[in-house]
Amino acid sequence: MNSVTVQVPATTANLGPGFDVLGLALQLYNRITLRPGAESWPDAFMEEAASHFYLKTGLPPQAFHVSISGSVPRSRGLGSSVTVRLGLLSGLNHLHQNPLSPEDILRLVITLEGHPDNAVPAALGGFAACAADRWFRTEVDPRLLFVACVPKFEVETKKARSVLPAQIPLADAILNLQNSSQLVAAFATRNYSLLKGSFGDRLHQPYRAQLIPACLEAFALAEKNGALGSFISGSGSTLMAICQDNPEPLVSAWTDFFGPELEIIHVLAPDNQGVRILD
């Protein structure tokens, strides 16, 4: 049995108002390599994913050596857990002569993640609007650019969810429905002018902003420097802005604004391919 390397794109989820529903794949990648011969999996996270694969296929379980390389950071709202789960399951499927379909693999990842907004675009590429068991997917114009501002600190998804209220006012829910509908329409029709003014959110970002210092000020700065809109990527800590024109003014403004608290800024094109077997 040969080794296999799987490439999985980073994702940005929620896009502001589309909480646990909207996601998009980006040209930033992790690569997961599986090699036979291990006596056990490196950790419980990978063992859980493998257990789901072997339970689904009925094949006798076995462990593999795993190595991970790439540029998707952990706990920064860029879908790092999906890159590992999807990469591992796709690699196992390849090494076992593909007993599962790509959709079977994707549904296993959604089960493990608990929500589909990162899993679907990572698997299929492009933009996705997701329900629990179905999704709409479309490609994204490569001229649309995504400016990812990655600070030096992490935000764990569990902590980011713990600050959310159990109930919200009806008016807040309506605003989110209005804005998320405009976002879906913009990506479905490639009429990206509809994105302008459609990233407002009252479900999660006002509460998660307290975990990301100067988050709201950074959003205002993005709009002043030509962004169509900006939002917390996933549960954070990365902030994301979307640009149709030259992103350099925003890159410069965010670099100056965050100063020593900034780890890196990526200017990323969308990924329309999704997960790939490299060898």
Protein backbone atom coordinates (compact mmCIF):
# COMPACT_ATOMS: atom_id res chain seq x y z
CA MET A 1 0.00 0.00 0.00
CA ASN A 2 1.55 3.29 -1.13
CA SER A 3 1.51 6.61 0.66
CA VAL A 4 -0.81 9.40 -0.45
CA THR A 5 -0.81 13.19 -0.13
CA VAL A 6 -4.06 15.15 -0.15
CA GLN A 7 -4.29 18.91 -0.61
CA VAL A 8 -7.20 20.73 1.06
CA PRO A 9 -7.95 24.46 0.76
CA ALA A 10 -8.54 26.84 3.62
CA THR A 11 -12.05 28.17 3.96
CA THR A 12 -13.72 31.28 5.28
CA ALA A 13 -17.12 30.65 6.82
CA ASN A 14 -20.19 32.69 7.82
CA LEU A 15 -19.25 35.70 5.66
CA GLY A 16 -20.88 37.85 8.33
CA PRO A 17 -24.64 37.14 8.35
CA GLY A 18 -24.52 33.56 7.00
CA PHE A 19 -23.81 31.98 10.40
CA ASP A 20 -23.13 28.23 10.04
CA VAL A 21 -24.53 28.42 6.48
CA LEU A 22 -22.18 30.21 4.07
CA GLY A 23 -18.59 29.34 3.21
CA LEU A 24 -15.96 29.82 0.55
CA ALA A 25 -12.69 28.07 -0.38
CA LEU A 26 -9.42 30.00 -0.69
CA GLN A 27 -6.04 29.40 -2.33
CA LEU A 28 -4.27 28.66 0.94
CA TYR A 29 -3.59 24.99 1.60
CA ASN A 30 -2.70 22.21 3.98
CA ARG A 31 -1.33 18.91 2.71
CA ILE A 32 -1.97 15.70 4.62
CA THR A 33 0.24 12.69 3.88
CA LEU A 34 -0.64 9.16 5.02
CA ARG A 35 1.92 6.38 5.15
CA PRO A 36 1.24 2.78 6.23
CA GLY A 37 2.97 1.02 9.08
CA ALA A 38 1.83 2.89 12.20
CA GLU A 39 0.59 1.05 15.29
CA SER A 40 -1.73 3.87 16.34
CA TRP A 41 -3.01 7.24 15.13
CA PRO A 42 -1.10 10.38 16.26
CA ASP A 43 -4.01 11.70 18.35
CA ALA A 44 -7.67 11.21 19.26
CA PHE A 45 -8.78 13.81 16.69
CA MET A 46 -7.46 11.73 13.79
CA GLU A 47 -8.48 8.43 15.36
CA GLU A 48 -12.08 9.66 15.57
CA ALA A 49 -12.14 10.51 11.86
CA ALA A 50 -10.59 7.17 10.94
CA SER A 51 -13.12 5.31 13.11
CA HIS A 52 -15.96 6.92 11.16
CA PHE A 53 -14.36 5.81 7.89
CA TYR A 54 -13.91 2.19 8.94
CA LEU A 55 -17.37 2.02 10.50
CA LYS A 56 -18.91 3.36 7.28
CA THR A 57 -16.96 1.02 4.98
CA GLY A 58 -16.90 -2.10 7.15
CA LEU A 59 -13.19 -2.50 6.44
CA PRO A 60 -10.84 -3.72 9.19
CA PRO A 61 -9.42 -0.68 11.00
CA GLN A 62 -5.75 0.20 10.75
CA ALA A 63 -3.59 3.19 11.64
CA PHE A 64 -1.31 5.30 9.46
CA HIS A 65 1.57 7.68 9.96
CA VAL A 66 0.35 11.24 9.31
CA SER A 67 2.31 14.34 8.40
CA ILE A 68 0.76 17.77 7.86
CA SER A 69 2.34 20.66 5.97
CA GLY A 70 1.03 23.90 4.58
CA SER A 71 -0.06 27.38 5.54
CA VAL A 72 -3.49 27.06 7.18
CA PRO A 73 -3.04 28.03 10.85
CA ARG A 74 -4.91 26.38 13.72
CA SER A 75 -7.72 28.14 15.60
CA ARG A 76 -7.75 31.20 13.33
CA GLY A 77 -11.08 30.74 11.59
CA LEU A 78 -9.69 29.37 8.33
CA GLY A 79 -11.01 25.80 8.52
CA SER A 80 -7.87 24.05 9.73
CA SER A 81 -9.81 21.20 11.36
CA VAL A 82 -11.60 20.51 8.08
CA THR A 83 -8.30 20.37 6.19
CA VAL A 84 -7.15 17.58 8.51
CA ARG A 85 -10.41 15.63 8.62
CA LEU A 86 -11.14 15.91 4.91
CA GLY A 87 -7.52 15.24 3.98
CA LEU A 88 -7.31 12.19 6.23
CA LEU A 89 -10.62 10.68 5.10
CA SER A 90 -9.89 11.34 1.41
CA GLY A 91 -6.45 9.78 1.83
CA LEU A 92 -7.84 6.70 3.55
CA ASN A 93 -10.44 6.32 0.84
CA HIS A 94 -7.75 6.52 -1.86
CA LEU A 95 -5.49 3.99 -0.16
CA HIS A 96 -8.41 1.56 0.20
CA GLN A 97 -9.36 1.81 -3.51
CA ASN A 98 -12.21 4.31 -3.06
CA PRO A 99 -14.99 2.34 -1.33
CA LEU A 100 -16.78 5.65 -0.60
CA SER A 101 -17.97 8.32 -3.00
CA PRO A 102 -16.77 11.93 -2.62
CA GLU A 103 -20.22 12.81 -1.26
CA ASP A 104 -19.95 10.02 1.33
CA ILE A 105 -16.62 11.47 2.47
CA LEU A 106 -18.08 14.98 2.64
CA ARG A 107 -21.02 13.83 4.74
CA LEU A 108 -18.64 12.12 7.17
CA VAL A 109 -16.71 15.38 7.53
CA ILE A 110 -19.94 17.33 8.15
CA THR A 111 -20.88 14.84 10.86
CA LEU A 112 -17.49 15.22 12.54
CA GLU A 113 -17.51 19.02 12.25
CA GLY A 114 -21.10 19.46 13.38
CA HIS A 115 -21.87 22.01 10.63
CA PRO A 116 -21.30 22.14 6.86
CA ASP A 117 -20.16 25.71 6.14
CA ASN A 118 -16.43 24.90 6.05
CA ALA A 119 -16.68 21.29 4.92
CA VAL A 120 -18.64 21.83 1.69
CA PRO A 121 -16.41 24.50 0.10
CA ALA A 122 -13.25 22.68 1.22
CA ALA A 123 -14.46 19.54 -0.55
CA LEU A 124 -16.01 21.12 -3.64
CA GLY A 125 -14.27 24.47 -3.97
CA GLY A 126 -16.03 27.75 -4.68
CA PHE A 127 -18.84 29.33 -2.66
CA ALA A 128 -21.42 27.24 -0.82
CA ALA A 129 -24.76 27.91 0.87
CA CYS A 130 -25.48 24.95 3.10
CA ALA A 131 -28.35 23.28 4.90
CA ALA A 132 -27.75 20.36 7.25
CA ASP A 133 -28.00 17.72 4.51
CA ARG A 134 -27.83 19.59 1.19
CA TRP A 135 -26.08 22.55 -0.37
CA PHE A 136 -25.82 24.98 -3.26
CA ARG A 137 -22.34 25.46 -4.72
CA THR A 138 -21.03 27.81 -7.39
CA GLU A 139 -17.63 28.92 -8.64
CA VAL A 140 -16.21 32.30 -7.65
CA ASP A 141 -14.69 34.74 -10.12
CA PRO A 142 -10.89 34.58 -9.60
CA ARG A 143 -10.71 38.36 -9.94
CA LEU A 144 -12.43 38.65 -6.55
CA LEU A 145 -9.71 38.89 -3.87
CA PHE A 146 -9.85 38.04 -0.18
CA VAL A 147 -7.64 39.89 2.29
CA ALA A 148 -7.06 37.71 5.36
CA CYS A 149 -5.69 39.54 8.39
CA VAL A 150 -4.28 36.89 10.75
CA PRO A 151 -3.38 38.17 14.24
CA LYS A 152 -0.89 36.46 16.50
CA PHE A 153 -3.52 35.12 18.91
CA GLU A 154 -5.93 32.19 18.53
CA VAL A 155 -9.66 31.99 19.20
CA GLU A 156 -10.96 28.50 19.95
CA THR A 157 -14.28 27.65 18.32
CA LYS A 158 -15.68 26.39 21.63
CA LYS A 159 -14.94 29.71 23.32
CA ALA A 160 -16.32 31.69 20.37
CA ARG A 161 -19.59 29.77 20.61
CA SER A 162 -19.82 30.18 24.37
CA VAL A 163 -20.25 33.98 24.10
CA LEU A 164 -23.32 33.75 21.83
CA PRO A 165 -26.78 34.49 23.26
CA ALA A 166 -29.42 31.76 23.43
CA GLN A 167 -32.06 34.06 21.89
CA ILE A 168 -32.04 37.06 19.57
CA PRO A 169 -34.64 39.71 18.70
CA LEU A 170 -36.84 39.15 15.66
CA ALA A 171 -35.50 42.30 13.98
CA ASP A 172 -31.94 40.94 14.23
CA ALA A 173 -32.97 37.65 12.62
CA ILE A 174 -34.69 39.51 9.78
CA LEU A 175 -31.60 41.65 9.10
CA ASN A 176 -29.45 38.54 8.88
CA LEU A 177 -31.88 36.86 6.50
CA GLN A 178 -31.91 39.94 4.29
CA ASN A 179 -28.13 40.22 4.14
CA SER A 180 -27.38 36.53 3.72
CA SER A 181 -29.93 36.37 0.88
CA GLN A 182 -28.11 39.20 -0.88
CA LEU A 183 -24.78 37.40 -0.46
CA VAL A 184 -26.13 34.20 -1.99
CA ALA A 185 -27.64 36.16 -4.88
CA ALA A 186 -24.34 37.98 -5.45
CA PHE A 187 -22.29 34.78 -5.69
CA ALA A 188 -24.93 32.83 -7.63
CA THR A 189 -25.21 35.52 -10.32
CA ARG A 190 -21.65 36.89 -10.07
CA ASN A 191 -23.19 40.31 -9.56
CA TYR A 192 -20.68 41.21 -6.88
CA SER A 193 -21.98 44.76 -6.52
CA LEU A 194 -24.69 43.16 -4.35
CA LEU A 195 -22.02 42.35 -1.77
CA LYS A 196 -21.61 46.00 -0.83
CA GLY A 197 -23.49 46.65 2.42
CA SER A 198 -24.56 43.01 2.84
CA PHE A 199 -22.11 41.80 5.48
CA GLY A 200 -23.92 43.24 8.49
CA ASP A 201 -24.62 40.66 11.18
CA ARG A 202 -26.38 40.62 14.56
CA LEU A 203 -26.24 36.91 15.38
CA HIS A 204 -22.61 36.35 16.31
CA GLN A 205 -20.15 39.08 15.34
CA PRO A 206 -21.24 41.69 17.93
CA TYR A 207 -20.52 39.10 20.63
CA ARG A 208 -17.37 37.59 19.15
CA ALA A 209 -15.89 41.03 18.51
CA GLN A 210 -15.05 41.20 22.22
CA LEU A 211 -12.61 38.31 21.66
CA ILE A 212 -10.80 40.18 18.87
CA PRO A 213 -9.47 43.58 19.99
CA ALA A 214 -10.26 46.47 17.60
CA CYS A 215 -12.36 44.18 15.38
CA LEU A 216 -15.09 46.76 14.64
CA GLU A 217 -12.54 49.51 14.02
CA ALA A 218 -10.79 47.22 11.53
CA PHE A 219 -14.09 46.68 9.68
CA ALA A 220 -14.59 50.43 9.33
CA LEU A 221 -11.02 50.79 8.09
CA ALA A 222 -11.62 48.13 5.44
CA GLU A 223 -14.60 49.99 4.02
CA LYS A 224 -12.64 53.26 3.95
CA ASN A 225 -9.94 51.50 1.92
CA GLY A 226 -12.03 50.05 -0.84
CA ALA A 227 -13.33 46.72 0.47
CA LEU A 228 -16.77 45.53 -0.58
CA GLY A 229 -17.17 44.35 2.99
CA SER A 230 -15.42 42.64 5.87
CA PHE A 231 -16.23 40.08 8.53
CA ILE A 232 -14.83 37.67 11.13
CA SER A 233 -13.62 34.56 9.30
CA GLY A 234 -15.33 31.59 10.91
CA SER A 235 -15.08 32.00 14.66
CA GLY A 236 -11.91 34.13 14.37
CA SER A 237 -9.35 35.35 15.08
CA THR A 238 -8.76 36.08 11.37
CA LEU A 239 -10.55 39.09 9.88
CA MET A 240 -11.47 38.88 6.21
CA ALA A 241 -12.25 41.55 3.62
CA ILE A 242 -13.36 41.16 0.00
CA CYS A 243 -11.99 43.42 -2.74
CA GLN A 244 -12.71 43.77 -6.44
CA ASP A 245 -10.06 46.40 -7.01
CA ASN A 246 -6.49 46.88 -5.84
CA PRO A 247 -6.24 45.45 -2.27
CA GLU A 248 -2.93 47.17 -1.47
CA PRO A 249 -4.46 50.24 0.27
CA LEU A 250 -6.30 47.92 2.65
CA VAL A 251 -3.25 45.72 3.22
CA SER A 252 -1.22 48.81 4.11
CA ALA A 253 -3.95 50.22 6.36
CA TRP A 254 -4.48 46.98 8.28
CA THR A 255 -0.72 46.45 8.61
CA ASP A 256 -0.28 49.87 10.17
CA PHE A 257 -3.40 49.51 12.32
CA PHE A 258 -2.53 46.14 13.92
CA GLY A 259 1.22 46.70 14.09
CA PRO A 260 3.04 44.14 16.26
CA GLU A 261 -0.20 42.21 16.95
CA LEU A 262 -0.32 41.13 13.31
CA GLU A 263 1.10 37.74 12.29
CA ILE A 264 0.52 37.91 8.54
CA ILE A 265 -1.80 39.29 5.88
CA HIS A 266 -2.67 37.07 2.93
CA VAL A 267 -4.19 38.32 -0.32
CA LEU A 268 -5.96 35.22 -1.62
CA ALA A 269 -7.82 34.22 -4.75
CA PRO A 270 -10.77 31.82 -4.44
CA ASP A 271 -10.17 28.10 -4.87
CA ASN A 272 -12.70 26.50 -7.25
CA GLN A 273 -11.26 22.95 -7.18
CA GLY A 274 -11.59 21.83 -3.58
CA VAL A 275 -9.84 18.77 -2.21
CA ARG A 276 -7.24 17.09 -4.47
CA ILE A 277 -5.20 13.89 -4.39
CA LEU A 278 -1.66 14.97 -5.27
CA ASP A 279 -0.02 11.57 -5.68
